[in-house]
Structures are given as structure tokens and as C-alpha cells.
Amino acid sequence: MNTSELRQKDVAGLEAEIKSLQKAHFGLRMQKATQQLGNTATLRDTRRAIARAKTILAEKQAAK
């Protein structure tokens, strides 16, 4: 998800997005542990997407 798309979401939407990204990241970690993950770059992508969403969430909460 792009930064511009994340910025359009409200605080509750961002929290839901973070939760879904964390679940996806957990699933990818389990696939890696069982040698079922083909593309390990997706781990980095989801980790960075979580950080991006958390940063935007912190910006919105600080603006209140």
C-alpha cells in the first residue's frame, strides 16, 4: 500500500492495516521457518510496510 493511500485512512483504519500486515508478516515468518517461502524479499517488504504505517499513525496521533 502506498504512502498516499495510508495517509487517506483514519486512525482506526491505520490500526486495522497494521494488524493485518503483522498477521501477514507472521505467516511469512512461519513459511520461512518451514522452508516453504520462495521469495524471502517479501519479509522485508512487509516489515517496511508495517513501519511505514506505524510512522503515519504516529504522525496523525501527534497532530491531534
PDB file of N, CA and C in Angstrom:
ATOM      1  N   MET A   1       0.838  -1.172   0.000  1.00  0.00           N
ATOM      2  CA  MET A   1       0.000   0.000   0.000  1.00  0.00           C
ATOM      3  C   MET A   1       0.888   1.242   0.000  1.00  0.00           C
ATOM      4  N   ASN A   2       0.541   2.197  -0.842  1.00  0.00           N
ATOM      5  CA  ASN A   2       1.329   3.416  -0.972  1.00  0.00           C
ATOM      6  C   ASN A   2       1.159   4.316   0.236  1.00  0.00           C
ATOM      7  N   THR A   3       2.106   5.223   0.393  1.00  0.00           N
ATOM      8  CA  THR A   3       2.038   6.180   1.487  1.00  0.00           C
ATOM      9  C   THR A   3       0.822   7.078   1.344  1.00  0.00           C
ATOM     10  N   SER A   4       0.517   7.483   0.121  1.00  0.00           N
ATOM     11  CA  SER A   4      -0.635   8.358  -0.086  1.00  0.00           C
ATOM     12  C   SER A   4      -1.943   7.644   0.282  1.00  0.00           C
ATOM     13  N   GLU A   5      -2.024   6.360   0.017  1.00  0.00           N
ATOM     14  CA  GLU A   5      -3.213   5.600   0.398  1.00  0.00           C
ATOM     15  C   GLU A   5      -3.323   5.479   1.912  1.00  0.00           C
ATOM     16  N   LEU A   6      -2.186   5.320   2.586  1.00  0.00           N
ATOM     17  CA  LEU A   6      -2.197   5.210   4.039  1.00  0.00           C
ATOM     18  C   LEU A   6      -2.586   6.531   4.677  1.00  0.00           C
ATOM     19  N   ARG A   7      -2.138   7.631   4.103  1.00  0.00           N
ATOM     20  CA  ARG A   7      -2.448   8.946   4.665  1.00  0.00           C
ATOM     21  C   ARG A   7      -3.930   9.283   4.556  1.00  0.00           C
ATOM     22  N   GLN A   8      -4.636   8.669   3.632  1.00  0.00           N
ATOM     23  CA  GLN A   8      -6.061   8.924   3.479  1.00  0.00           C
ATOM     24  C   GLN A   8      -6.895   8.200   4.534  1.00  0.00           C
ATOM     25  N   LYS A   9      -6.325   7.202   5.182  1.00  0.00           N
ATOM     26  CA  LYS A   9      -7.059   6.422   6.179  1.00  0.00           C
ATOM     27  C   LYS A   9      -7.102   7.169   7.506  1.00  0.00           C
ATOM     28  N   ASP A  10      -8.123   6.880   8.296  1.00  0.00           N
ATOM     29  CA  ASP A  10      -8.191   7.455   9.634  1.00  0.00           C
ATOM     30  C   ASP A  10      -7.399   6.570  10.601  1.00  0.00           C
ATOM     31  N   VAL A  11      -7.391   6.965  11.864  1.00  0.00           N
ATOM     32  CA  VAL A  11      -6.583   6.258  12.862  1.00  0.00           C
ATOM     33  C   VAL A  11      -7.029   4.805  13.000  1.00  0.00           C
ATOM     34  N   ALA A  12      -8.331   4.571  13.036  1.00  0.00           N
ATOM     35  CA  ALA A  12      -8.830   3.197  13.173  1.00  0.00           C
ATOM     36  C   ALA A  12      -8.465   2.360  11.950  1.00  0.00           C
ATOM     37  N   GLY A  13      -8.527   2.965  10.779  1.00  0.00           N
ATOM     38  CA  GLY A  13      -8.153   2.260   9.558  1.00  0.00           C
ATOM     39  C   GLY A  13      -6.680   1.904   9.533  1.00  0.00           C
ATOM     40  N   LEU A  14      -5.848   2.813  10.026  1.00  0.00           N
ATOM     41  CA  LEU A  14      -4.413   2.533  10.087  1.00  0.00           C
ATOM     42  C   LEU A  14      -4.107   1.414  11.070  1.00  0.00           C
ATOM     43  N   GLU A  15      -4.785   1.436  12.214  1.00  0.00           N
ATOM     44  CA  GLU A  15      -4.559   0.376  13.197  1.00  0.00           C
ATOM     45  C   GLU A  15      -4.967  -0.982  12.639  1.00  0.00           C
ATOM     46  N   ALA A  16      -6.066  -1.011  11.896  1.00  0.00           N
ATOM     47  CA  ALA A  16      -6.503  -2.265  11.281  1.00  0.00           C
ATOM     48  C   ALA A  16      -5.506  -2.717  10.219  1.00  0.00           C
ATOM     49  N   GLU A  17      -4.972  -1.778   9.452  1.00  0.00           N
ATOM     50  CA  GLU A  17      -3.978  -2.102   8.422  1.00  0.00           C
ATOM     51  C   GLU A  17      -2.708  -2.657   9.060  1.00  0.00           C
ATOM     52  N   ILE A  18      -2.270  -2.059  10.153  1.00  0.00           N
ATOM     53  CA  ILE A  18      -1.074  -2.534  10.853  1.00  0.00           C
ATOM     54  C   ILE A  18      -1.295  -3.955  11.360  1.00  0.00           C
ATOM     55  N   LYS A  19      -2.474  -4.189  11.925  1.00  0.00           N
ATOM     56  CA  LYS A  19      -2.772  -5.529  12.452  1.00  0.00           C
ATOM     57  C   LYS A  19      -2.767  -6.579  11.341  1.00  0.00           C
ATOM     58  N   SER A  20      -3.334  -6.238  10.190  1.00  0.00           N
ATOM     59  CA  SER A  20      -3.351  -7.202   9.087  1.00  0.00           C
ATOM     60  C   SER A  20      -1.945  -7.416   8.526  1.00  0.00           C
ATOM     61  N   LEU A  21      -1.141  -6.368   8.468  1.00  0.00           N
ATOM     62  CA  LEU A  21       0.240  -6.524   8.000  1.00  0.00           C
ATOM     63  C   LEU A  21       1.054  -7.382   8.967  1.00  0.00           C
ATOM     64  N   GLN A  22       0.817  -7.216  10.259  1.00  0.00           N
ATOM     65  CA  GLN A  22       1.536  -8.027  11.242  1.00  0.00           C
ATOM     66  C   GLN A  22       1.152  -9.494  11.135  1.00  0.00           C
ATOM     67  N   LYS A  23      -0.127  -9.763  10.862  1.00  0.00           N
ATOM     68  CA  LYS A  23      -0.551 -11.149  10.665  1.00  0.00           C
ATOM     69  C   LYS A  23       0.098 -11.740   9.414  1.00  0.00           C
ATOM     70  N   ALA A  24       0.153 -10.945   8.355  1.00  0.00           N
ATOM     71  CA  ALA A  24       0.783 -11.413   7.124  1.00  0.00           C
ATOM     72  C   ALA A  24       2.270 -11.673   7.346  1.00  0.00           C
ATOM     73  N   HIS A  25       2.917 -10.803   8.100  1.00  0.00           N
ATOM     74  CA  HIS A  25       4.344 -10.966   8.372  1.00  0.00           C
ATOM     75  C   HIS A  25       4.594 -12.220   9.212  1.00  0.00           C
ATOM     76  N   PHE A  26       3.708 -12.479  10.169  1.00  0.00           N
ATOM     77  CA  PHE A  26       3.839 -13.690  10.976  1.00  0.00           C
ATOM     78  C   PHE A  26       3.708 -14.930  10.103  1.00  0.00           C
ATOM     79  N   GLY A  27       2.749 -14.923   9.191  1.00  0.00           N
ATOM     80  CA  GLY A  27       2.580 -16.058   8.286  1.00  0.00           C
ATOM     81  C   GLY A  27       3.804 -16.278   7.412  1.00  0.00           C
ATOM     82  N   LEU A  28       4.389 -15.184   6.948  1.00  0.00           N
ATOM     83  CA  LEU A  28       5.599 -15.309   6.132  1.00  0.00           C
ATOM     84  C   LEU A  28       6.764 -15.855   6.951  1.00  0.00           C
ATOM     85  N   ARG A  29       6.861 -15.436   8.212  1.00  0.00           N
ATOM     86  CA  ARG A  29       7.934 -15.953   9.068  1.00  0.00           C
ATOM     87  C   ARG A  29       7.771 -17.449   9.302  1.00  0.00           C
ATOM     88  N   MET A  30       6.533 -17.896   9.459  1.00  0.00           N
ATOM     89  CA  MET A  30       6.292 -19.324   9.649  1.00  0.00           C
ATOM     90  C   MET A  30       6.632 -20.099   8.376  1.00  0.00           C
ATOM     91  N   GLN A  31       6.301 -19.529   7.222  1.00  0.00           N
ATOM     92  CA  GLN A  31       6.659 -20.179   5.960  1.00  0.00           C
ATOM     93  C   GLN A  31       8.168 -20.269   5.809  1.00  0.00           C
ATOM     94  N   LYS A  32       8.872 -19.223   6.220  1.00  0.00           N
ATOM     95  CA  LYS A  32      10.342 -19.251   6.125  1.00  0.00           C
ATOM     96  C   LYS A  32      10.920 -20.317   7.046  1.00  0.00           C
ATOM     97  N   ALA A  33      10.346 -20.452   8.233  1.00  0.00           N
ATOM     98  CA  ALA A  33      10.844 -21.427   9.202  1.00  0.00           C
ATOM     99  C   ALA A  33      10.656 -22.851   8.714  1.00  0.00           C
ATOM    100  N   THR A  34       9.614 -23.078   7.923  1.00  0.00           N
ATOM    101  CA  THR A  34       9.353 -24.421   7.421  1.00  0.00           C
ATOM    102  C   THR A  34       9.845 -24.605   5.978  1.00  0.00           C
ATOM    103  N   GLN A  35      10.683 -23.691   5.521  1.00  0.00           N
ATOM    104  CA  GLN A  35      11.254 -23.724   4.168  1.00  0.00           C
ATOM    105  C   GLN A  35      10.193 -23.773   3.072  1.00  0.00           C
ATOM    106  N   GLN A  36       9.078 -23.080   3.271  1.00  0.00           N
ATOM    107  CA  GLN A  36       8.038 -23.025   2.251  1.00  0.00           C
ATOM    108  C   GLN A  36       8.004 -21.671   1.550  1.00  0.00           C
ATOM    109  N   LEU A  37       8.797 -20.728   2.033  1.00  0.00           N
ATOM    110  CA  LEU A  37       8.787 -19.387   1.472  1.00  0.00           C
ATOM    111  C   LEU A  37       9.775 -19.311   0.324  1.00  0.00           C
ATOM    112  N   GLY A  38       9.262 -18.999  -0.859  1.00  0.00           N
ATOM    113  CA  GLY A  38      10.128 -18.923  -2.024  1.00  0.00           C
ATOM    114  C   GLY A  38      10.846 -17.599  -2.147  1.00  0.00           C
ATOM    115  N   ASN A  39      10.126 -16.508  -1.931  1.00  0.00           N
ATOM    116  CA  ASN A  39      10.701 -15.183  -2.103  1.00  0.00           C
ATOM    117  C   ASN A  39      10.865 -14.536  -0.730  1.00  0.00           C
ATOM    118  N   THR A  40      12.080 -14.543  -0.202  1.00  0.00           N
ATOM    119  CA  THR A  40      12.315 -14.012   1.133  1.00  0.00           C
ATOM    120  C   THR A  40      12.282 -12.490   1.169  1.00  0.00           C
ATOM    121  N   ALA A  41      12.284 -11.843   0.030  1.00  0.00           N
ATOM    122  CA  ALA A  41      12.219 -10.377  -0.004  1.00  0.00           C
ATOM    123  C   ALA A  41      10.868  -9.871   0.484  1.00  0.00           C
ATOM    124  N   THR A  42       9.849 -10.730   0.456  1.00  0.00           N
ATOM    125  CA  THR A  42       8.534 -10.301   0.935  1.00  0.00           C
ATOM    126  C   THR A  42       8.557 -10.035   2.436  1.00  0.00           C
ATOM    127  N   LEU A  43       9.451 -10.694   3.164  1.00  0.00           N
ATOM    128  CA  LEU A  43       9.595 -10.419   4.595  1.00  0.00           C
ATOM    129  C   LEU A  43      10.020  -8.969   4.806  1.00  0.00           C
ATOM    130  N   ARG A  44      11.007  -8.532   4.058  1.00  0.00           N
ATOM    131  CA  ARG A  44      11.493  -7.160   4.166  1.00  0.00           C
ATOM    132  C   ARG A  44      10.405  -6.167   3.758  1.00  0.00           C
ATOM    133  N   ASP A  45       9.680  -6.495   2.706  1.00  0.00           N
ATOM    134  CA  ASP A  45       8.629  -5.594   2.224  1.00  0.00           C
ATOM    135  C   ASP A  45       7.534  -5.414   3.260  1.00  0.00           C
ATOM    136  N   THR A  46       7.103  -6.504   3.894  1.00  0.00           N
ATOM    137  CA  THR A  46       6.043  -6.386   4.893  1.00  0.00           C
ATOM    138  C   THR A  46       6.552  -5.670   6.141  1.00  0.00           C
ATOM    139  N   ARG A  47       7.793  -5.915   6.515  1.00  0.00           N
ATOM    140  CA  ARG A  47       8.361  -5.237   7.680  1.00  0.00           C
ATOM    141  C   ARG A  47       8.414  -3.724   7.445  1.00  0.00           C
ATOM    142  N   ARG A  48       8.799  -3.337   6.248  1.00  0.00           N
ATOM    143  CA  ARG A  48       8.864  -1.912   5.919  1.00  0.00           C
ATOM    144  C   ARG A  48       7.470  -1.303   5.791  1.00  0.00           C
ATOM    145  N   ALA A  49       6.507  -2.073   5.315  1.00  0.00           N
ATOM    146  CA  ALA A  49       5.138  -1.575   5.213  1.00  0.00           C
ATOM    147  C   ALA A  49       4.558  -1.337   6.611  1.00  0.00           C
ATOM    148  N   ILE A  50       4.882  -2.226   7.548  1.00  0.00           N
ATOM    149  CA  ILE A  50       4.437  -2.043   8.930  1.00  0.00           C
ATOM    150  C   ILE A  50       5.041  -0.768   9.504  1.00  0.00           C
ATOM    151  N   ALA A  51       6.324  -0.567   9.290  1.00  0.00           N
ATOM    152  CA  ALA A  51       6.995   0.629   9.799  1.00  0.00           C
ATOM    153  C   ALA A  51       6.412   1.891   9.172  1.00  0.00           C
ATOM    154  N   ARG A  52       6.103   1.825   7.888  1.00  0.00           N
ATOM    155  CA  ARG A  52       5.528   2.976   7.196  1.00  0.00           C
ATOM    156  C   ARG A  52       4.164   3.326   7.786  1.00  0.00           C
ATOM    157  N   ALA A  53       3.340   2.309   8.019  1.00  0.00           N
ATOM    158  CA  ALA A  53       2.011   2.539   8.574  1.00  0.00           C
ATOM    159  C   ALA A  53       2.097   3.049  10.014  1.00  0.00           C
ATOM    160  N   LYS A  54       3.030   2.520  10.795  1.00  0.00           N
ATOM    161  CA  LYS A  54       3.186   2.979  12.168  1.00  0.00           C
ATOM    162  C   LYS A  54       3.666   4.424  12.228  1.00  0.00           C
ATOM    163  N   THR A  55       4.513   4.804  11.301  1.00  0.00           N
ATOM    164  CA  THR A  55       5.002   6.178  11.252  1.00  0.00           C
ATOM    165  C   THR A  55       3.872   7.142  10.948  1.00  0.00           C
ATOM    166  N   ILE A  56       3.048   6.808   9.975  1.00  0.00           N
ATOM    167  CA  ILE A  56       1.923   7.671   9.616  1.00  0.00           C
ATOM    168  C   ILE A  56       0.922   7.729  10.761  1.00  0.00           C
ATOM    169  N   LEU A  57       0.704   6.611  11.446  1.00  0.00           N
ATOM    170  CA  LEU A  57      -0.192   6.588  12.603  1.00  0.00           C
ATOM    171  C   LEU A  57       0.333   7.508  13.696  1.00  0.00           C
ATOM    172  N   ALA A  58       1.616   7.467  13.965  1.00  0.00           N
ATOM    173  CA  ALA A  58       2.210   8.335  14.988  1.00  0.00           C
ATOM    174  C   ALA A  58       2.090   9.799  14.593  1.00  0.00           C
ATOM    175  N   GLU A  59       2.255  10.097  13.315  1.00  0.00           N
ATOM    176  CA  GLU A  59       2.096  11.481  12.853  1.00  0.00           C
ATOM    177  C   GLU A  59       0.669  11.970  13.072  1.00  0.00           C
ATOM    178  N   LYS A  60      -0.299  11.124  12.769  1.00  0.00           N
ATOM    179  CA  LYS A  60      -1.700  11.515  12.939  1.00  0.00           C
ATOM    180  C   LYS A  60      -2.049  11.690  14.410  1.00  0.00           C
ATOM    181  N   GLN A  61      -1.508  10.852  15.267  1.00  0.00           N
ATOM    182  CA  GLN A  61      -1.809  10.952  16.689  1.00  0.00           C
ATOM    183  C   GLN A  61      -1.126  12.167  17.303  1.00  0.00           C
ATOM    184  N   ALA A  62       0.042  12.526  16.803  1.00  0.00           N
ATOM    185  CA  ALA A  62       0.740  13.702  17.313  1.00  0.00           C
ATOM    186  C   ALA A  62       0.072  14.993  16.850  1.00  0.00           C
ATOM    187  N   ALA A  63      -0.627  14.944  15.736  1.00  0.00           N
ATOM    188  CA  ALA A  63      -1.279  16.131  15.196  1.00  0.00           C
ATOM    189  C   ALA A  63      -2.547  16.487  15.961  1.00  0.00           C
ATOM    190  N   LYS A  64      -3.053  15.561  16.747  1.00  0.00           N
ATOM    191  CA  LYS A  64      -4.298  15.813  17.496  1.00  0.00           C
ATOM    192  C   LYS A  64      -4.089  16.815  18.583  1.00  0.00           C
TER     193      LYS A  64
END
